[in-house]
Amino acid sequence: KSALDKSVAMAGYKTADVSVAKYRIDAHLNELSQPMFGLTFDVVSTVLYTVNFDGKAKQFPVTATGTATGSDAFVGVERLRIANERSIKENLKQFLQKMSEQIGW
């Protein structure tokens, strides 16, 4: 939620007054596929974004991958954290791009 809020704000799409907001965005993390072990961790996040506006709802399913290697972090737990963050960051990036293209942000 925090990452979504920050991403929307950084893109210039967030209003300080929620009562005048044109869009409401809900995000549901459907899947977070994480490796159990390895030198390279590929994490795949699948999020269903629902954008409500003008009495309508439009859904945006987004799947994205984030990768971390041994050069990012030697310890596996840290490497997994980095891969998770990269996957979610890429997921949000793709969502904002789709929103821009399909709704006209």
Protein backbone atom coordinates (compact mmCIF):
# COMPACT_ATOMS: atom_id res chain seq x y z
CA LYS A 1 0.00 0.00 0.00
CA SER A 2 2.77 2.37 0.91
CA ALA A 3 4.66 1.68 -2.33
CA LEU A 4 1.47 2.24 -4.36
CA ASP A 5 0.73 5.51 -2.55
CA LYS A 6 4.28 6.76 -3.09
CA SER A 7 4.34 5.74 -6.76
CA VAL A 8 1.03 7.42 -7.52
CA ALA A 9 2.15 10.57 -5.68
CA MET A 10 5.52 10.65 -7.46
CA ALA A 11 3.73 10.34 -10.80
CA GLY A 12 1.66 13.39 -9.84
CA TYR A 13 -1.66 11.53 -9.64
CA LYS A 14 -2.40 11.79 -5.92
CA THR A 15 -4.50 14.51 -4.35
CA ALA A 16 -4.19 15.65 -0.75
CA ASP A 17 -8.00 15.85 -0.47
CA VAL A 18 -9.42 12.35 -0.96
CA SER A 19 -12.98 13.69 -1.23
CA VAL A 20 -12.18 15.32 -4.60
CA ALA A 21 -10.20 12.42 -6.03
CA LYS A 22 -11.34 11.39 -9.49
CA TYR A 23 -9.90 7.86 -9.22
CA ARG A 24 -9.79 5.27 -6.45
CA ILE A 25 -7.22 2.51 -6.81
CA ASP A 26 -7.40 -0.84 -5.09
CA ALA A 27 -4.57 -3.36 -5.38
CA HIS A 28 -4.72 -7.05 -4.57
CA LEU A 29 -1.51 -9.08 -4.49
CA ASN A 30 -2.62 -12.33 -6.11
CA GLU A 31 0.73 -14.10 -6.11
CA LEU A 32 4.32 -13.60 -5.09
CA SER A 33 6.41 -16.42 -6.48
CA GLN A 34 9.75 -16.64 -4.67
CA PRO A 35 12.62 -19.08 -5.13
CA MET A 36 13.71 -21.24 -2.20
CA PHE A 37 17.42 -21.15 -2.97
CA GLY A 38 19.93 -20.21 -5.66
CA LEU A 39 22.47 -17.60 -6.61
CA THR A 40 20.06 -15.64 -8.77
CA PHE A 41 16.62 -14.95 -7.32
CA ASP A 42 13.75 -14.17 -9.70
CA VAL A 43 10.62 -13.06 -7.88
CA VAL A 44 7.38 -12.80 -9.87
CA SER A 45 4.58 -10.60 -8.51
CA THR A 46 1.04 -10.70 -9.84
CA VAL A 47 -1.19 -7.83 -8.76
CA LEU A 48 -4.76 -7.03 -9.77
CA TYR A 49 -5.31 -3.28 -9.74
CA THR A 50 -8.88 -1.99 -9.84
CA VAL A 51 -9.41 1.65 -10.75
CA ASN A 52 -12.80 3.13 -9.93
CA PHE A 53 -13.82 6.33 -11.73
CA ASP A 54 -17.02 7.93 -13.05
CA GLY A 55 -19.11 5.09 -11.61
CA LYS A 56 -17.08 2.51 -13.54
CA ALA A 57 -14.35 0.08 -12.59
CA LYS A 58 -11.47 -0.99 -14.80
CA GLN A 59 -9.15 -3.83 -13.86
CA PHE A 60 -5.47 -4.04 -14.69
CA PRO A 61 -3.80 -7.41 -14.03
CA VAL A 62 -0.03 -6.94 -13.97
CA THR A 63 2.72 -9.55 -13.66
CA ALA A 64 6.32 -8.44 -13.24
CA THR A 65 9.67 -9.96 -12.36
CA GLY A 66 12.42 -8.65 -10.13
CA THR A 67 15.87 -10.21 -10.07
CA ALA A 68 18.72 -10.11 -7.57
CA THR A 69 22.05 -11.86 -7.96
CA GLY A 70 24.95 -12.72 -5.73
CA SER A 71 26.56 -9.41 -6.66
CA ASP A 72 23.54 -7.59 -5.14
CA ALA A 73 23.82 -9.40 -1.82
CA PHE A 74 25.77 -12.41 -0.60
CA VAL A 75 23.22 -13.44 2.04
CA GLY A 76 20.18 -15.19 0.55
CA VAL A 77 17.60 -13.44 2.74
CA GLU A 78 18.87 -10.03 1.68
CA ARG A 79 18.99 -11.11 -1.97
CA LEU A 80 15.36 -12.24 -1.70
CA ARG A 81 14.33 -8.90 -0.17
CA ILE A 82 15.99 -7.03 -3.04
CA ALA A 83 14.30 -9.25 -5.64
CA ASN A 84 10.92 -8.72 -3.94
CA GLU A 85 11.35 -4.94 -3.98
CA ARG A 86 12.42 -4.93 -7.62
CA SER A 87 9.45 -7.08 -8.62
CA ILE A 88 6.94 -4.80 -6.89
CA LYS A 89 8.64 -1.67 -8.23
CA GLU A 90 8.44 -3.04 -11.79
CA ASN A 91 4.83 -4.09 -11.20
CA LEU A 92 3.90 -0.55 -10.14
CA LYS A 93 5.78 0.93 -13.10
CA GLN A 94 3.86 -1.28 -15.54
CA PHE A 95 0.54 -0.43 -13.85
CA LEU A 96 1.14 3.32 -14.12
CA GLN A 97 2.10 2.90 -17.77
CA LYS A 98 -1.09 0.94 -18.50
CA MET A 99 -3.15 3.55 -16.66
CA SER A 100 -1.59 6.32 -18.70
CA GLU A 101 -2.30 4.51 -21.96
CA GLN A 102 -5.82 3.27 -21.26
CA ILE A 103 -7.43 5.89 -19.05
CA GLY A 104 -5.48 8.88 -20.23
CA TRP A 105 -3.51 9.99 -17.20
